[in-house]
């Protein structure tokens, strides 16, 4: 056994018996929670590098760890996992001397996403910054309606700079 989920408010502990566990309302899930606010495939627990990690599976009502809404999060012993509005304390012994890997950037999620008022949009990977000794080459879409707010702001600055160069 790799640990257990203890329902807050009473109930039998749920043993964590394998390294990947799907949690949801469907009977084919590894851990079945028969509640209407639980999605059919709500979240997944993975035991990686000696620690448990939870990942939301685009569920309707989301997950929280220690009261903070998240899409993916490392779980430490004693953390509280909320699946929709059902709370569980996770108990296990880490099987590594190393701490769990670093979390993703917490500032990537907007306040509206953290509050659970909007779904997190899938953002494209950002390109790496160019080396300091080389200027960045920026390509903007031709059509302004296809530009992001950041790209529109950059275009405005470039246009302002071009106007100053032509008037000098």
C-alpha atoms as a PDB file:
ATOM      1  CA  UNK A   1       0.000   0.000   0.000  1.00  0.00           C
ATOM      2  CA  UNK A   2       1.333   3.448  -0.994  1.00  0.00           C
ATOM      3  CA  UNK A   3      -0.850   5.457   1.385  1.00  0.00           C
ATOM      4  CA  UNK A   4      -4.496   6.281   1.910  1.00  0.00           C
ATOM      5  CA  UNK A   5      -7.108   8.974   1.484  1.00  0.00           C
ATOM      6  CA  UNK A   6      -9.036   9.622   4.686  1.00  0.00           C
ATOM      7  CA  UNK A   7     -12.483  11.186   4.174  1.00  0.00           C
ATOM      8  CA  UNK A   8     -12.879  14.278   6.339  1.00  0.00           C
ATOM      9  CA  UNK A   9     -15.971  13.989   8.490  1.00  0.00           C
ATOM     10  CA  UNK A  10     -15.829  10.214   8.719  1.00  0.00           C
ATOM     11  CA  UNK A  11     -15.822   7.172   6.532  1.00  0.00           C
ATOM     12  CA  UNK A  12     -13.492   4.329   5.722  1.00  0.00           C
ATOM     13  CA  UNK A  13      -9.981   5.178   4.507  1.00  0.00           C
ATOM     14  CA  UNK A  14      -9.398   4.599   0.802  1.00  0.00           C
ATOM     15  CA  UNK A  15      -6.187   2.625   0.225  1.00  0.00           C
ATOM     16  CA  UNK A  16      -3.839   3.848  -2.512  1.00  0.00           C
ATOM     17  CA  UNK A  17      -2.803   0.516  -4.013  1.00  0.00           C
ATOM     18  CA  UNK A  18      -1.117   1.383  -7.315  1.00  0.00           C
ATOM     19  CA  UNK A  19       1.090   4.158  -8.687  1.00  0.00           C
ATOM     20  CA  UNK A  20      -1.585   5.595 -11.005  1.00  0.00           C
ATOM     21  CA  UNK A  21      -5.175   5.930  -9.820  1.00  0.00           C
ATOM     22  CA  UNK A  22      -8.098   7.425 -11.722  1.00  0.00           C
ATOM     23  CA  UNK A  23     -10.757   8.978  -9.485  1.00  0.00           C
ATOM     24  CA  UNK A  24     -14.273   9.615 -10.752  1.00  0.00           C
ATOM     25  CA  UNK A  25     -17.931   8.695 -10.764  1.00  0.00           C
ATOM     26  CA  UNK A  26     -17.654   5.855 -13.301  1.00  0.00           C
ATOM     27  CA  UNK A  27     -17.486   2.309 -11.994  1.00  0.00           C
ATOM     28  CA  UNK A  28     -14.387   1.632 -14.138  1.00  0.00           C
ATOM     29  CA  UNK A  29     -12.354   4.224 -12.184  1.00  0.00           C
ATOM     30  CA  UNK A  30      -9.785   2.948  -9.695  1.00  0.00           C
ATOM     31  CA  UNK A  31     -11.471   5.002  -6.959  1.00  0.00           C
ATOM     32  CA  UNK A  32     -15.201   5.495  -7.506  1.00  0.00           C
ATOM     33  CA  UNK A  33     -16.969   8.400  -5.797  1.00  0.00           C
ATOM     34  CA  UNK A  34     -20.723   8.112  -6.428  1.00  0.00           C
ATOM     35  CA  UNK A  35     -21.722  11.777  -6.084  1.00  0.00           C
ATOM     36  CA  UNK A  36     -23.471  13.906  -8.722  1.00  0.00           C
ATOM     37  CA  UNK A  37     -20.871  16.709  -8.474  1.00  0.00           C
ATOM     38  CA  UNK A  38     -17.997  14.308  -9.262  1.00  0.00           C
ATOM     39  CA  UNK A  39     -17.110  14.072 -12.968  1.00  0.00           C
ATOM     40  CA  UNK A  40     -16.959  10.676 -14.646  1.00  0.00           C
ATOM     41  CA  UNK A  41     -13.141  11.019 -14.817  1.00  0.00           C
ATOM     42  CA  UNK A  42     -12.487  13.737 -12.239  1.00  0.00           C
ATOM     43  CA  UNK A  43      -8.781  13.544 -11.383  1.00  0.00           C
ATOM     44  CA  UNK A  44      -5.772  11.274 -11.356  1.00  0.00           C
ATOM     45  CA  UNK A  45      -3.291  10.475  -8.605  1.00  0.00           C
ATOM     46  CA  UNK A  46       0.253   9.508  -9.615  1.00  0.00           C
ATOM     47  CA  UNK A  47       3.032   8.280  -7.357  1.00  0.00           C
ATOM     48  CA  UNK A  48       6.201   9.760  -8.863  1.00  0.00           C
ATOM     49  CA  UNK A  49       9.687  10.105  -7.382  1.00  0.00           C
ATOM     50  CA  UNK A  50       8.339   8.914  -4.009  1.00  0.00           C
ATOM     51  CA  UNK A  51       5.539  11.517  -3.790  1.00  0.00           C
ATOM     52  CA  UNK A  52       1.879  11.673  -4.787  1.00  0.00           C
ATOM     53  CA  UNK A  53       0.764  14.207  -7.395  1.00  0.00           C
ATOM     54  CA  UNK A  54      -2.840  15.021  -8.288  1.00  0.00           C
ATOM     55  CA  UNK A  55      -3.973  16.188 -11.739  1.00  0.00           C
ATOM     56  CA  UNK A  56      -7.417  17.515 -12.639  1.00  0.00           C
ATOM     57  CA  UNK A  57      -8.877  15.763 -15.697  1.00  0.00           C
ATOM     58  CA  UNK A  58     -10.850  18.812 -16.924  1.00  0.00           C
ATOM     59  CA  UNK A  59     -13.529  18.090 -14.373  1.00  0.00           C
ATOM     60  CA  UNK A  60     -16.580  20.305 -14.019  1.00  0.00           C
ATOM     61  CA  UNK A  61     -16.073  21.105 -10.323  1.00  0.00           C
ATOM     62  CA  UNK A  62     -12.277  20.944 -10.086  1.00  0.00           C
ATOM     63  CA  UNK A  63      -9.856  20.042  -7.338  1.00  0.00           C
ATOM     64  CA  UNK A  64      -8.220  21.953  -4.499  1.00  0.00           C
ATOM     65  CA  UNK A  65      -5.181  21.238  -2.374  1.00  0.00           C
ATOM     66  CA  UNK A  66      -5.257  22.856   1.061  1.00  0.00           C
ATOM     67  CA  UNK A  67      -8.032  25.166  -0.150  1.00  0.00           C
ATOM     68  CA  UNK A  68      -6.237  26.369  -3.315  1.00  0.00           C
ATOM     69  CA  UNK A  69      -7.740  25.453  -6.675  1.00  0.00           C
ATOM     70  CA  UNK A  70      -5.232  23.838  -9.012  1.00  0.00           C
ATOM     71  CA  UNK A  71      -4.847  21.765 -12.153  1.00  0.00           C
ATOM     72  CA  UNK A  72      -1.836  19.792 -10.965  1.00  0.00           C
ATOM     73  CA  UNK A  73      -0.123  19.732  -7.571  1.00  0.00           C
ATOM     74  CA  UNK A  74       2.306  17.663  -5.523  1.00  0.00           C
ATOM     75  CA  UNK A  75       0.725  16.300  -2.340  1.00  0.00           C
ATOM     76  CA  UNK A  76       2.632  16.138   0.915  1.00  0.00           C
ATOM     77  CA  UNK A  77       1.583  13.884   3.806  1.00  0.00           C
ATOM     78  CA  UNK A  78      -1.299  15.515   5.693  1.00  0.00           C
ATOM     79  CA  UNK A  79      -2.399  17.739   2.771  1.00  0.00           C
ATOM     80  CA  UNK A  80      -6.132  18.142   2.260  1.00  0.00           C
ATOM     81  CA  UNK A  81      -7.384  17.174  -1.201  1.00  0.00           C
ATOM     82  CA  UNK A  82     -10.822  18.472  -2.198  1.00  0.00           C
ATOM     83  CA  UNK A  83     -12.449  16.663  -5.091  1.00  0.00           C
ATOM     84  CA  UNK A  84     -15.418  18.834  -6.012  1.00  0.00           C
ATOM     85  CA  UNK A  85     -16.648  19.517  -2.449  1.00  0.00           C
ATOM     86  CA  UNK A  86     -15.517  16.203  -0.961  1.00  0.00           C
ATOM     87  CA  UNK A  87     -12.488  16.556   1.331  1.00  0.00           C
ATOM     88  CA  UNK A  88      -9.812  13.938   2.000  1.00  0.00           C
ATOM     89  CA  UNK A  89      -6.584  14.012   3.970  1.00  0.00           C
ATOM     90  CA  UNK A  90      -3.758  12.130   2.273  1.00  0.00           C
ATOM     91  CA  UNK A  91      -1.548  10.002   4.475  1.00  0.00           C
ATOM     92  CA  UNK A  92       1.593   8.296   3.234  1.00  0.00           C
ATOM     93  CA  UNK A  93       5.319   8.081   3.855  1.00  0.00           C
ATOM     94  CA  UNK A  94       7.411   9.741   1.106  1.00  0.00           C
ATOM     95  CA  UNK A  95       9.769   7.230  -0.476  1.00  0.00           C
ATOM     96  CA  UNK A  96      12.480   9.694  -1.387  1.00  0.00           C
ATOM     97  CA  UNK A  97      14.996  11.800   0.524  1.00  0.00           C
ATOM     98  CA  UNK A  98      14.638  14.515  -2.127  1.00  0.00           C
ATOM     99  CA  UNK A  99      11.773  17.029  -1.953  1.00  0.00           C
ATOM    100  CA  UNK A 100       9.135  16.791  -4.691  1.00  0.00           C
ATOM    101  CA  UNK A 101       9.984  18.639  -7.929  1.00  0.00           C
ATOM    102  CA  UNK A 102       9.254  22.361  -8.096  1.00  0.00           C
ATOM    103  CA  UNK A 103       5.724  23.455  -8.906  1.00  0.00           C
ATOM    104  CA  UNK A 104       4.825  25.229 -12.112  1.00  0.00           C
ATOM    105  CA  UNK A 105       4.793  29.009 -12.073  1.00  0.00           C
ATOM    106  CA  UNK A 106       1.951  30.024  -9.690  1.00  0.00           C
ATOM    107  CA  UNK A 107       1.519  33.304 -11.576  1.00  0.00           C
ATOM    108  CA  UNK A 108       0.462  31.551 -14.792  1.00  0.00           C
ATOM    109  CA  UNK A 109      -3.091  31.214 -13.465  1.00  0.00           C
ATOM    110  CA  UNK A 110      -5.336  34.277 -13.354  1.00  0.00           C
ATOM    111  CA  UNK A 111      -7.324  35.183 -10.249  1.00  0.00           C
ATOM    112  CA  UNK A 112     -10.521  34.212 -12.077  1.00  0.00           C
ATOM    113  CA  UNK A 113      -9.029  30.752 -12.783  1.00  0.00           C
ATOM    114  CA  UNK A 114      -7.848  30.358  -9.175  1.00  0.00           C
ATOM    115  CA  UNK A 115     -11.340  31.218  -7.950  1.00  0.00           C
ATOM    116  CA  UNK A 116     -12.779  28.598 -10.291  1.00  0.00           C
ATOM    117  CA  UNK A 117     -14.864  31.149 -12.182  1.00  0.00           C
ATOM    118  CA  UNK A 118     -13.307  30.382 -15.565  1.00  0.00           C
ATOM    119  CA  UNK A 119     -11.613  27.288 -16.957  1.00  0.00           C
ATOM    120  CA  UNK A 120      -7.890  27.518 -17.515  1.00  0.00           C
ATOM    121  CA  UNK A 121      -7.175  28.116 -21.160  1.00  0.00           C
ATOM    122  CA  UNK A 122      -4.484  26.060 -22.796  1.00  0.00           C
ATOM    123  CA  UNK A 123      -1.670  28.477 -23.519  1.00  0.00           C
ATOM    124  CA  UNK A 124       0.987  27.800 -26.127  1.00  0.00           C
ATOM    125  CA  UNK A 125       4.491  27.209 -24.867  1.00  0.00           C
ATOM    126  CA  UNK A 126       6.499  30.414 -24.753  1.00  0.00           C
ATOM    127  CA  UNK A 127       9.714  30.506 -26.768  1.00  0.00           C
ATOM    128  CA  UNK A 128      12.929  30.910 -24.848  1.00  0.00           C
ATOM    129  CA  UNK A 129      14.441  34.387 -24.671  1.00  0.00           C
ATOM    130  CA  UNK A 130      17.242  35.056 -27.166  1.00  0.00           C
ATOM    131  CA  UNK A 131      20.791  35.306 -25.860  1.00  0.00           C
ATOM    132  CA  UNK A 132      21.579  38.715 -24.349  1.00  0.00           C
ATOM    133  CA  UNK A 133      24.013  39.625 -27.133  1.00  0.00           C
ATOM    134  CA  UNK A 134      21.478  39.053 -29.949  1.00  0.00           C
ATOM    135  CA  UNK A 135      18.364  41.171 -30.493  1.00  0.00           C
ATOM    136  CA  UNK A 136      15.083  39.311 -30.552  1.00  0.00           C
ATOM    137  CA  UNK A 137      13.380  38.864 -33.892  1.00  0.00           C
ATOM    138  CA  UNK A 138       9.670  39.325 -33.383  1.00  0.00           C
ATOM    139  CA  UNK A 139       7.135  38.330 -35.985  1.00  0.00           C
ATOM    140  CA  UNK A 140       3.665  39.760 -35.544  1.00  0.00           C
ATOM    141  CA  UNK A 141       0.532  38.582 -37.357  1.00  0.00           C
ATOM    142  CA  UNK A 142      -0.427  40.773 -40.310  1.00  0.00           C
ATOM    143  CA  UNK A 143      -4.045  41.033 -39.152  1.00  0.00           C
ATOM    144  CA  UNK A 144      -4.424  43.031 -35.916  1.00  0.00           C
ATOM    145  CA  UNK A 145      -7.582  41.073 -35.062  1.00  0.00           C
ATOM    146  CA  UNK A 146      -5.380  37.964 -34.693  1.00  0.00           C
ATOM    147  CA  UNK A 147      -3.007  39.690 -32.219  1.00  0.00           C
ATOM    148  CA  UNK A 148      -2.963  39.215 -28.471  1.00  0.00           C
ATOM    149  CA  UNK A 149      -3.042  42.235 -26.170  1.00  0.00           C
ATOM    150  CA  UNK A 150       0.720  41.907 -25.664  1.00  0.00           C
ATOM    151  CA  UNK A 151       1.332  41.825 -29.414  1.00  0.00           C
ATOM    152  CA  UNK A 152      -0.898  44.877 -29.930  1.00  0.00           C
ATOM    153  CA  UNK A 153       1.058  46.754 -27.255  1.00  0.00           C
ATOM    154  CA  UNK A 154       4.339  45.767 -28.901  1.00  0.00           C
ATOM    155  CA  UNK A 155       3.069  46.889 -32.319  1.00  0.00           C
ATOM    156  CA  UNK A 156       2.065  50.245 -30.806  1.00  0.00           C
ATOM    157  CA  UNK A 157       5.573  50.697 -29.369  1.00  0.00           C
ATOM    158  CA  UNK A 158       7.220  49.736 -32.666  1.00  0.00           C
ATOM    159  CA  UNK A 159       4.948  52.144 -34.564  1.00  0.00           C
ATOM    160  CA  UNK A 160       5.785  54.947 -32.082  1.00  0.00           C
ATOM    161  CA  UNK A 161       9.506  54.239 -32.476  1.00  0.00           C
ATOM    162  CA  UNK A 162       9.172  54.250 -36.297  1.00  0.00           C
ATOM    163  CA  UNK A 163       7.356  57.623 -36.144  1.00  0.00           C
ATOM    164  CA  UNK A 164      10.138  59.126 -34.017  1.00  0.00           C
ATOM    165  CA  UNK A 165      12.816  57.808 -36.390  1.00  0.00           C
ATOM    166  CA  UNK A 166      11.050  59.247 -39.459  1.00  0.00           C
ATOM    167  CA  UNK A 167      10.539  62.685 -37.844  1.00  0.00           C
ATOM    168  CA  UNK A 168      14.230  62.975 -36.795  1.00  0.00           C
END
